[in-house]
C-alpha atoms as a PDB file:
ATOM      1  CA  UNK A   1      18.776   1.106  45.430  1.00  0.00           C
ATOM      2  CA  UNK A   2      18.793  -0.031  41.641  1.00  0.00           C
ATOM      3  CA  UNK A   3      20.545   1.405  38.740  1.00  0.00           C
ATOM      4  CA  UNK A   4      18.000   3.221  36.815  1.00  0.00           C
ATOM      5  CA  UNK A   5      17.898   3.844  33.023  1.00  0.00           C
ATOM      6  CA  UNK A   6      18.413   7.517  34.000  1.00  0.00           C
ATOM      7  CA  UNK A   7      21.685   6.457  35.707  1.00  0.00           C
ATOM      8  CA  UNK A   8      22.702   4.347  32.685  1.00  0.00           C
ATOM      9  CA  UNK A   9      21.926   7.215  30.356  1.00  0.00           C
ATOM     10  CA  UNK A  10      24.192   9.509  32.670  1.00  0.00           C
ATOM     11  CA  UNK A  11      26.953   7.115  32.493  1.00  0.00           C
ATOM     12  CA  UNK A  12      26.705   6.771  28.857  1.00  0.00           C
ATOM     13  CA  UNK A  13      26.668  10.642  28.501  1.00  0.00           C
ATOM     14  CA  UNK A  14      30.006  10.898  30.498  1.00  0.00           C
ATOM     15  CA  UNK A  15      31.756   7.830  28.723  1.00  0.00           C
ATOM     16  CA  UNK A  16      30.925   8.962  25.266  1.00  0.00           C
ATOM     17  CA  UNK A  17      31.639  12.639  25.605  1.00  0.00           C
ATOM     18  CA  UNK A  18      33.854  14.131  22.876  1.00  0.00           C
ATOM     19  CA  UNK A  19      36.346  15.560  25.490  1.00  0.00           C
ATOM     20  CA  UNK A  20      36.644  12.331  27.528  1.00  0.00           C
ATOM     21  CA  UNK A  21      39.525  13.327  29.676  1.00  0.00           C
ATOM     22  CA  UNK A  22      40.326  14.126  33.181  1.00  0.00           C
ATOM     23  CA  UNK A  23      38.931  12.488  36.291  1.00  0.00           C
ATOM     24  CA  UNK A  24      36.119  10.314  34.684  1.00  0.00           C
ATOM     25  CA  UNK A  25      35.712   8.253  37.892  1.00  0.00           C
ATOM     26  CA  UNK A  26      35.301  11.467  40.048  1.00  0.00           C
ATOM     27  CA  UNK A  27      32.843  12.876  37.618  1.00  0.00           C
ATOM     28  CA  UNK A  28      30.611   9.686  37.672  1.00  0.00           C
ATOM     29  CA  UNK A  29      30.840   9.573  41.484  1.00  0.00           C
ATOM     30  CA  UNK A  30      29.762  13.388  41.533  1.00  0.00           C
ATOM     31  CA  UNK A  31      26.882  12.786  39.113  1.00  0.00           C
ATOM     32  CA  UNK A  32      25.547   9.602  40.771  1.00  0.00           C
ATOM     33  CA  UNK A  33      26.419   9.630  44.438  1.00  0.00           C
ATOM     34  CA  UNK A  34      23.708   7.135  45.299  1.00  0.00           C
ATOM     35  CA  UNK A  35      25.615   4.495  43.555  1.00  0.00           C
ATOM     36  CA  UNK A  36      28.511   2.593  45.068  1.00  0.00           C
ATOM     37  CA  UNK A  37      31.634   3.008  42.688  1.00  0.00           C
ATOM     38  CA  UNK A  38      34.768   0.924  42.217  1.00  0.00           C
ATOM     39  CA  UNK A  39      37.464   1.560  39.733  1.00  0.00           C
ATOM     40  CA  UNK A  40      39.800  -1.116  38.374  1.00  0.00           C
ATOM     41  CA  UNK A  41      41.739  -2.147  35.193  1.00  0.00           C
ATOM     42  CA  UNK A  42      39.474  -4.095  32.783  1.00  0.00           C
ATOM     43  CA  UNK A  43      41.779  -7.257  32.921  1.00  0.00           C
ATOM     44  CA  UNK A  44      40.752  -7.503  36.605  1.00  0.00           C
ATOM     45  CA  UNK A  45      37.382  -8.413  35.862  1.00  0.00           C
ATOM     46  CA  UNK A  46      36.545 -11.917  34.192  1.00  0.00           C
ATOM     47  CA  UNK A  47      32.833 -11.327  33.557  1.00  0.00           C
ATOM     48  CA  UNK A  48      31.534  -9.806  30.403  1.00  0.00           C
ATOM     49  CA  UNK A  49      30.681  -6.039  30.767  1.00  0.00           C
ATOM     50  CA  UNK A  50      27.074  -4.924  31.040  1.00  0.00           C
ATOM     51  CA  UNK A  51      28.159  -1.918  28.864  1.00  0.00           C
ATOM     52  CA  UNK A  52      31.395  -1.451  26.870  1.00  0.00           C
ATOM     53  CA  UNK A  53      32.663   1.888  25.721  1.00  0.00           C
ATOM     54  CA  UNK A  54      35.945   2.880  23.828  1.00  0.00           C
ATOM     55  CA  UNK A  55      38.070   3.403  27.053  1.00  0.00           C
ATOM     56  CA  UNK A  56      35.912   1.705  29.665  1.00  0.00           C
ATOM     57  CA  UNK A  57      33.889  -1.328  30.404  1.00  0.00           C
ATOM     58  CA  UNK A  58      30.834  -1.007  32.914  1.00  0.00           C
ATOM     59  CA  UNK A  59      29.966  -3.835  35.336  1.00  0.00           C
ATOM     60  CA  UNK A  60      27.131  -3.801  37.648  1.00  0.00           C
ATOM     61  CA  UNK A  61      27.360  -4.989  41.096  1.00  0.00           C
ATOM     62  CA  UNK A  62      24.967  -6.438  43.534  1.00  0.00           C
ATOM     63  CA  UNK A  63      25.711  -5.848  47.329  1.00  0.00           C
ATOM     64  CA  UNK A  64      22.275  -6.986  48.643  1.00  0.00           C
ATOM     65  CA  UNK A  65      23.418 -10.322  50.082  1.00  0.00           C
ATOM     66  CA  UNK A  66      26.529 -10.933  52.257  1.00  0.00           C
ATOM     67  CA  UNK A  67      28.675 -11.290  49.204  1.00  0.00           C
ATOM     68  CA  UNK A  68      29.203  -8.778  46.455  1.00  0.00           C
ATOM     69  CA  UNK A  69      28.549 -10.152  43.045  1.00  0.00           C
ATOM     70  CA  UNK A  70      28.406  -8.962  39.429  1.00  0.00           C
ATOM     71  CA  UNK A  71      24.979  -8.872  38.091  1.00  0.00           C
ATOM     72  CA  UNK A  72      23.490  -8.124  34.665  1.00  0.00           C
ATOM     73  CA  UNK A  73      20.196  -7.008  36.168  1.00  0.00           C
ATOM     74  CA  UNK A  74      20.157  -3.132  36.767  1.00  0.00           C
ATOM     75  CA  UNK A  75      17.163  -3.641  39.109  1.00  0.00           C
ATOM     76  CA  UNK A  76      19.320  -5.654  41.430  1.00  0.00           C
ATOM     77  CA  UNK A  77      22.348  -3.488  40.984  1.00  0.00           C
ATOM     78  CA  UNK A  78      23.445  -1.230  43.852  1.00  0.00           C
ATOM     79  CA  UNK A  79      26.936  -0.260  42.358  1.00  0.00           C
ATOM     80  CA  UNK A  80      29.146  -0.074  39.324  1.00  0.00           C
ATOM     81  CA  UNK A  81      32.555  -1.012  38.426  1.00  0.00           C
ATOM     82  CA  UNK A  82      34.257   1.310  36.092  1.00  0.00           C
ATOM     83  CA  UNK A  83      36.998  -0.900  34.293  1.00  0.00           C
ATOM     84  CA  UNK A  84      39.539   1.099  32.372  1.00  0.00           C
ATOM     85  CA  UNK A  85      40.676  -0.513  29.138  1.00  0.00           C
ATOM     86  CA  UNK A  86      44.400  -0.401  28.224  1.00  0.00           C
END
């Protein structure tokens, strides 16, 4: 299942909210349950982010093949890494 423009808009809405606090990861998982979600520190990911916000980077993951890989193609993406910046 691809990451749609609507999904990306929803992610942006959450991560640019004025009152960005609390369980952001849980909020995104609740709003977009069809996607696979992973949370980590931004320093754990070497690849450039697909989207970058003040407190988080977003990386898209492709799990279609046997190995999970980072992708820049939302049409191939089946999940999201929410990478928290320090």
